[in-house]
Amino acid sequence: MRDLHLRTDDELCAELIELGGTAPELLRMPEMREFILPVVRGDYRLLAEYGPRADGRLACPVTAFIGTTDHGVSLKGVECWSDWTTGSLDVVQFPGGHFYLSENPARLIRDVIDRLPIRE
């Protein structure tokens, strides 16, 4: 998975289709592939090459959102965020896969807003 940015266009498209966030019809269109793939490649490159600083712990609570059927992100992996904060970690699971937020954006937005500190 760490080498997805190095894969061929067809392999990268297959990954996107498997994740379920991109319509296969779009990836069959050369002009859309030309637009989508460089952005996705950049994201995967960042995921493969980024390494946090050892002293990079946050001093605030962290909320991690995850889809219950996301095969690319495990609950155990999300719980590792607790290593990066001196505050608490709250893991919120939403029904759905990697693109769970597309299925019910209002619920996610409401959850985020409810967690924001209100200052008067």
N, C-alpha and C. Protein backbone atom coordinates (compact mmCIF):
# COMPACT_ATOMS: atom_id res chain seq x y z
N MET A 1 0.82 -1.19 0.00
CA MET A 1 0.00 0.00 0.00
C MET A 1 0.87 1.26 0.00
N ARG A 2 2.05 1.19 0.54
CA ARG A 2 2.91 2.36 0.64
C ARG A 2 3.48 2.77 -0.71
N ASP A 3 3.28 1.98 -1.74
CA ASP A 3 3.85 2.32 -3.04
C ASP A 3 2.78 2.68 -4.07
N LEU A 4 1.59 2.99 -3.64
CA LEU A 4 0.50 3.27 -4.58
C LEU A 4 0.83 4.42 -5.52
N HIS A 5 1.58 5.39 -5.06
CA HIS A 5 1.92 6.53 -5.92
C HIS A 5 2.84 6.13 -7.06
N LEU A 6 3.46 4.96 -6.96
CA LEU A 6 4.36 4.47 -8.00
C LEU A 6 3.69 3.51 -8.98
N ARG A 7 2.46 3.17 -8.71
CA ARG A 7 1.75 2.20 -9.55
C ARG A 7 1.34 2.82 -10.89
N THR A 8 1.00 1.95 -11.83
CA THR A 8 0.55 2.42 -13.14
C THR A 8 -0.81 3.12 -12.99
N ASP A 9 -1.19 3.85 -14.02
CA ASP A 9 -2.50 4.52 -14.00
C ASP A 9 -3.62 3.50 -13.81
N ASP A 10 -3.55 2.38 -14.53
CA ASP A 10 -4.60 1.36 -14.42
C ASP A 10 -4.66 0.77 -13.02
N GLU A 11 -3.51 0.53 -12.40
CA GLU A 11 -3.49 -0.01 -11.03
C GLU A 11 -4.05 1.00 -10.04
N LEU A 12 -3.72 2.26 -10.23
CA LEU A 12 -4.23 3.30 -9.36
C LEU A 12 -5.74 3.44 -9.51
N CYS A 13 -6.22 3.38 -10.73
CA CYS A 13 -7.66 3.43 -10.98
C CYS A 13 -8.37 2.25 -10.33
N ALA A 14 -7.78 1.07 -10.41
CA ALA A 14 -8.37 -0.11 -9.78
C ALA A 14 -8.49 0.09 -8.27
N GLU A 15 -7.49 0.70 -7.66
CA GLU A 15 -7.53 0.98 -6.22
C GLU A 15 -8.65 1.96 -5.89
N LEU A 16 -8.79 2.99 -6.69
CA LEU A 16 -9.85 3.98 -6.45
C LEU A 16 -11.23 3.35 -6.59
N ILE A 17 -11.39 2.48 -7.57
CA ILE A 17 -12.67 1.81 -7.76
C ILE A 17 -12.96 0.89 -6.57
N GLU A 18 -11.94 0.19 -6.09
CA GLU A 18 -12.13 -0.70 -4.95
C GLU A 18 -12.51 0.07 -3.69
N LEU A 19 -11.94 1.27 -3.51
CA LEU A 19 -12.29 2.09 -2.35
C LEU A 19 -13.74 2.60 -2.43
N GLY A 20 -14.23 2.72 -3.65
CA GLY A 20 -15.63 3.10 -3.83
C GLY A 20 -15.90 4.59 -3.87
N GLY A 21 -14.89 5.42 -3.91
CA GLY A 21 -15.12 6.86 -3.88
C GLY A 21 -15.14 7.53 -5.23
N THR A 22 -14.79 6.81 -6.27
CA THR A 22 -14.73 7.39 -7.60
C THR A 22 -15.50 6.51 -8.57
N ALA A 23 -16.41 7.12 -9.30
CA ALA A 23 -17.22 6.36 -10.25
C ALA A 23 -16.32 5.78 -11.35
N PRO A 24 -16.44 4.48 -11.63
CA PRO A 24 -15.63 3.87 -12.69
C PRO A 24 -15.78 4.58 -14.03
N GLU A 25 -16.97 5.14 -14.28
CA GLU A 25 -17.21 5.83 -15.55
C GLU A 25 -16.26 7.03 -15.70
N LEU A 26 -16.00 7.72 -14.61
CA LEU A 26 -15.08 8.86 -14.66
C LEU A 26 -13.66 8.42 -15.01
N LEU A 27 -13.25 7.31 -14.44
CA LEU A 27 -11.88 6.84 -14.66
C LEU A 27 -11.68 6.24 -16.04
N ARG A 28 -12.76 6.00 -16.75
CA ARG A 28 -12.65 5.53 -18.14
C ARG A 28 -12.47 6.70 -19.11
N MET A 29 -12.66 7.92 -18.63
CA MET A 29 -12.55 9.11 -19.47
C MET A 29 -11.13 9.67 -19.36
N PRO A 30 -10.35 9.65 -20.45
CA PRO A 30 -8.96 10.12 -20.39
C PRO A 30 -8.80 11.52 -19.80
N GLU A 31 -9.70 12.44 -20.13
CA GLU A 31 -9.58 13.80 -19.62
C GLU A 31 -9.81 13.87 -18.10
N MET A 32 -10.64 12.99 -17.57
CA MET A 32 -10.86 12.96 -16.12
C MET A 32 -9.69 12.28 -15.41
N ARG A 33 -9.16 11.21 -16.02
CA ARG A 33 -7.98 10.57 -15.43
C ARG A 33 -6.82 11.55 -15.34
N GLU A 34 -6.67 12.37 -16.38
CA GLU A 34 -5.60 13.36 -16.41
C GLU A 34 -5.77 14.39 -15.29
N PHE A 35 -7.00 14.64 -14.91
CA PHE A 35 -7.30 15.59 -13.84
C PHE A 35 -7.19 14.94 -12.46
N ILE A 36 -7.71 13.73 -12.30
CA ILE A 36 -7.83 13.06 -11.00
C ILE A 36 -6.53 12.40 -10.55
N LEU A 37 -5.86 11.67 -11.42
CA LEU A 37 -4.73 10.84 -11.00
C LEU A 37 -3.55 11.61 -10.42
N PRO A 38 -3.16 12.77 -10.94
CA PRO A 38 -2.04 13.48 -10.30
C PRO A 38 -2.34 13.88 -8.85
N VAL A 39 -3.57 14.26 -8.59
CA VAL A 39 -3.95 14.65 -7.23
C VAL A 39 -3.90 13.43 -6.30
N VAL A 40 -4.48 12.33 -6.76
CA VAL A 40 -4.49 11.11 -5.95
C VAL A 40 -3.06 10.59 -5.75
N ARG A 41 -2.27 10.63 -6.79
CA ARG A 41 -0.87 10.21 -6.68
C ARG A 41 -0.12 11.04 -5.63
N GLY A 42 -0.38 12.35 -5.64
CA GLY A 42 0.24 13.23 -4.65
C GLY A 42 -0.18 12.88 -3.24
N ASP A 43 -1.45 12.58 -3.05
CA ASP A 43 -1.93 12.16 -1.72
C ASP A 43 -1.24 10.89 -1.26
N TYR A 44 -1.18 9.90 -2.15
CA TYR A 44 -0.54 8.63 -1.79
C TYR A 44 0.96 8.80 -1.57
N ARG A 45 1.57 9.69 -2.31
CA ARG A 45 3.01 9.96 -2.10
C ARG A 45 3.24 10.56 -0.71
N LEU A 46 2.38 11.50 -0.33
CA LEU A 46 2.48 12.10 1.00
C LEU A 46 2.32 11.03 2.08
N LEU A 47 1.33 10.16 1.92
CA LEU A 47 1.13 9.10 2.90
C LEU A 47 2.34 8.17 3.00
N ALA A 48 3.00 7.93 1.88
CA ALA A 48 4.15 7.02 1.86
C ALA A 48 5.41 7.65 2.42
N GLU A 49 5.58 8.94 2.22
CA GLU A 49 6.85 9.57 2.54
C GLU A 49 6.86 10.44 3.80
N TYR A 50 5.70 10.83 4.28
CA TYR A 50 5.65 11.72 5.44
C TYR A 50 6.01 10.97 6.71
N GLY A 51 6.78 11.60 7.53
CA GLY A 51 7.09 11.06 8.86
C GLY A 51 7.00 12.17 9.88
N PRO A 52 6.17 12.02 10.90
CA PRO A 52 6.02 13.08 11.89
C PRO A 52 7.28 13.25 12.73
N ARG A 53 7.47 14.45 13.24
CA ARG A 53 8.58 14.70 14.15
C ARG A 53 8.34 13.94 15.44
N ALA A 54 9.41 13.55 16.08
CA ALA A 54 9.29 12.79 17.33
C ALA A 54 8.62 13.61 18.43
N ASP A 55 8.79 14.94 18.40
CA ASP A 55 8.20 15.78 19.44
C ASP A 55 6.89 16.41 18.99
N GLY A 56 6.21 15.79 18.07
CA GLY A 56 5.02 16.37 17.47
C GLY A 56 3.71 16.08 18.16
N ARG A 57 3.72 15.81 19.45
CA ARG A 57 2.47 15.52 20.15
C ARG A 57 1.59 16.76 20.28
N LEU A 58 0.31 16.57 20.11
CA LEU A 58 -0.66 17.65 20.26
C LEU A 58 -1.04 17.80 21.73
N ALA A 59 -1.39 19.00 22.12
CA ALA A 59 -1.81 19.25 23.49
C ALA A 59 -3.30 19.55 23.53
N CYS A 60 -4.07 18.74 22.81
CA CYS A 60 -5.52 18.95 22.74
C CYS A 60 -6.19 17.60 22.52
N PRO A 61 -7.48 17.54 22.78
CA PRO A 61 -8.18 16.28 22.49
C PRO A 61 -8.26 16.07 20.98
N VAL A 62 -8.33 14.81 20.58
CA VAL A 62 -8.42 14.45 19.16
C VAL A 62 -9.65 13.58 18.96
N THR A 63 -10.40 13.87 17.92
CA THR A 63 -11.52 13.03 17.53
C THR A 63 -11.17 12.42 16.18
N ALA A 64 -11.25 11.10 16.08
CA ALA A 64 -10.97 10.39 14.84
C ALA A 64 -12.27 9.77 14.33
N PHE A 65 -12.56 9.98 13.07
CA PHE A 65 -13.76 9.43 12.45
C PHE A 65 -13.35 8.28 11.54
N ILE A 66 -14.16 7.23 11.51
CA ILE A 66 -13.85 6.06 10.69
C ILE A 66 -15.14 5.41 10.21
N GLY A 67 -15.08 4.87 9.00
CA GLY A 67 -16.20 4.09 8.48
C GLY A 67 -16.10 2.66 9.00
N THR A 68 -17.22 2.09 9.40
CA THR A 68 -17.20 0.76 10.01
C THR A 68 -16.76 -0.34 9.07
N THR A 69 -16.91 -0.13 7.76
CA THR A 69 -16.51 -1.15 6.80
C THR A 69 -15.36 -0.70 5.90
N ASP A 70 -14.56 0.26 6.38
CA ASP A 70 -13.40 0.74 5.63
C ASP A 70 -12.29 -0.31 5.74
N HIS A 71 -11.95 -0.93 4.62
CA HIS A 71 -10.92 -1.98 4.62
C HIS A 71 -9.51 -1.41 4.59
N GLY A 72 -9.38 -0.11 4.35
CA GLY A 72 -8.06 0.51 4.28
C GLY A 72 -7.60 1.10 5.60
N VAL A 73 -8.52 1.25 6.55
CA VAL A 73 -8.20 1.85 7.84
C VAL A 73 -8.84 0.99 8.93
N SER A 74 -8.02 0.51 9.83
CA SER A 74 -8.56 -0.34 10.90
C SER A 74 -8.85 0.50 12.15
N LEU A 75 -9.72 -0.01 12.98
CA LEU A 75 -10.01 0.65 14.25
C LEU A 75 -8.74 0.72 15.09
N LYS A 76 -7.96 -0.35 15.08
CA LYS A 76 -6.69 -0.36 15.83
C LYS A 76 -5.75 0.73 15.30
N GLY A 77 -5.70 0.90 13.99
CA GLY A 77 -4.87 1.95 13.40
C GLY A 77 -5.31 3.34 13.82
N VAL A 78 -6.61 3.55 13.87
CA VAL A 78 -7.14 4.85 14.28
C VAL A 78 -6.85 5.10 15.75
N GLU A 79 -6.92 4.07 16.56
CA GLU A 79 -6.65 4.24 17.99
C GLU A 79 -5.21 4.66 18.27
N CYS A 80 -4.32 4.46 17.30
CA CYS A 80 -2.92 4.90 17.45
C CYS A 80 -2.79 6.41 17.53
N TRP A 81 -3.84 7.14 17.13
CA TRP A 81 -3.80 8.59 17.26
C TRP A 81 -3.58 9.01 18.71
N SER A 82 -3.93 8.16 19.65
CA SER A 82 -3.73 8.51 21.07
C SER A 82 -2.24 8.71 21.38
N ASP A 83 -1.37 8.11 20.58
CA ASP A 83 0.08 8.30 20.77
C ASP A 83 0.52 9.71 20.39
N TRP A 84 -0.32 10.47 19.69
CA TRP A 84 0.07 11.77 19.16
C TRP A 84 -0.61 12.93 19.86
N THR A 85 -1.21 12.65 21.02
CA THR A 85 -1.80 13.74 21.79
C THR A 85 -1.62 13.48 23.28
N THR A 86 -1.49 14.57 24.02
CA THR A 86 -1.49 14.45 25.47
C THR A 86 -2.91 14.55 25.99
N GLY A 87 -3.85 14.86 25.10
CA GLY A 87 -5.26 14.93 25.45
C GLY A 87 -5.94 13.59 25.21
N SER A 88 -7.23 13.63 25.23
CA SER A 88 -8.01 12.40 25.05
C SER A 88 -8.20 12.09 23.56
N LEU A 89 -8.55 10.86 23.29
CA LEU A 89 -8.90 10.43 21.93
C LEU A 89 -10.31 9.89 21.96
N ASP A 90 -11.13 10.40 21.07
CA ASP A 90 -12.49 9.90 20.91
C ASP A 90 -12.60 9.36 19.49
N VAL A 91 -12.94 8.09 19.36
CA VAL A 91 -13.11 7.46 18.05
C VAL A 91 -14.60 7.34 17.77
N VAL A 92 -15.02 7.91 16.64
CA VAL A 92 -16.42 7.88 16.24
C VAL A 92 -16.53 7.06 14.97
N GLN A 93 -17.40 6.05 15.01
CA GLN A 93 -17.58 5.19 13.84
C GLN A 93 -18.89 5.54 13.14
N PHE A 94 -18.81 5.63 11.82
CA PHE A 94 -19.98 5.88 10.99
C PHE A 94 -20.21 4.66 10.11
N PRO A 95 -21.45 4.32 9.83
CA PRO A 95 -21.71 3.22 8.90
C PRO A 95 -21.13 3.56 7.53
N GLY A 96 -20.49 2.59 6.90
CA GLY A 96 -19.98 2.79 5.56
C GLY A 96 -18.50 2.50 5.44
N GLY A 97 -18.01 2.64 4.23
CA GLY A 97 -16.62 2.34 3.92
C GLY A 97 -15.72 3.56 3.99
N HIS A 98 -14.70 3.58 3.15
CA HIS A 98 -13.70 4.64 3.17
C HIS A 98 -14.32 6.02 2.94
N PHE A 99 -15.37 6.07 2.15
CA PHE A 99 -16.02 7.34 1.84
C PHE A 99 -17.35 7.46 2.57
N TYR A 100 -17.38 7.04 3.83
CA TYR A 100 -18.59 7.07 4.64
C TYR A 100 -19.20 8.46 4.70
N LEU A 101 -18.39 9.49 4.65
CA LEU A 101 -18.92 10.84 4.79
C LEU A 101 -19.79 11.25 3.62
N SER A 102 -19.63 10.61 2.47
CA SER A 102 -20.47 10.90 1.32
C SER A 102 -21.87 10.34 1.51
N GLU A 103 -21.99 9.33 2.35
CA GLU A 103 -23.27 8.66 2.55
C GLU A 103 -24.18 9.44 3.50
N ASN A 104 -23.61 10.17 4.45
CA ASN A 104 -24.41 10.93 5.39
C ASN A 104 -23.62 12.15 5.87
N PRO A 105 -23.38 13.11 4.98
CA PRO A 105 -22.57 14.27 5.37
C PRO A 105 -23.19 15.10 6.49
N ALA A 106 -24.50 15.18 6.53
CA ALA A 106 -25.15 15.99 7.56
C ALA A 106 -24.83 15.47 8.96
N ARG A 107 -24.82 14.17 9.13
CA ARG A 107 -24.52 13.59 10.45
C ARG A 107 -23.08 13.91 10.86
N LEU A 108 -22.15 13.78 9.91
CA LEU A 108 -20.75 14.08 10.22
C LEU A 108 -20.58 15.56 10.57
N ILE A 109 -21.16 16.43 9.78
CA ILE A 109 -21.05 17.87 10.04
C ILE A 109 -21.64 18.21 11.40
N ARG A 110 -22.80 17.64 11.70
CA ARG A 110 -23.43 17.88 13.00
C ARG A 110 -22.52 17.41 14.14
N ASP A 111 -21.90 16.24 13.97
CA ASP A 111 -21.01 15.71 15.00
C ASP A 111 -19.79 16.61 15.21
N VAL A 112 -19.21 17.10 14.12
CA VAL A 112 -18.05 18.00 14.23
C VAL A 112 -18.46 19.29 14.92
N ILE A 113 -19.58 19.89 14.51
CA ILE A 113 -20.03 21.14 15.11
C ILE A 113 -20.31 20.96 16.60
N ASP A 114 -20.93 19.85 16.96
CA ASP A 114 -21.23 19.59 18.38
C ASP A 114 -19.97 19.49 19.23
N ARG A 115 -18.85 19.16 18.62
CA ARG A 115 -17.60 19.01 19.37
C ARG A 115 -16.80 20.31 19.48
N LEU A 116 -17.17 21.31 18.71
CA LEU A 116 -16.44 22.57 18.73
C LEU A 116 -16.74 23.33 20.02
N PRO A 117 -15.70 23.90 20.62
CA PRO A 117 -15.94 24.69 21.83
C PRO A 117 -16.67 25.98 21.45
N ILE A 118 -17.70 26.27 22.18
CA ILE A 118 -18.47 27.48 21.94
C ILE A 118 -17.94 28.57 22.86
N ARG A 119 -17.52 29.68 22.27
CA ARG A 119 -17.00 30.81 23.07
C ARG A 119 -17.93 31.99 22.89
N GLU A 120 -18.26 32.60 23.98
CA GLU A 120 -19.16 33.76 23.89
C GLU A 120 -18.45 35.00 24.33
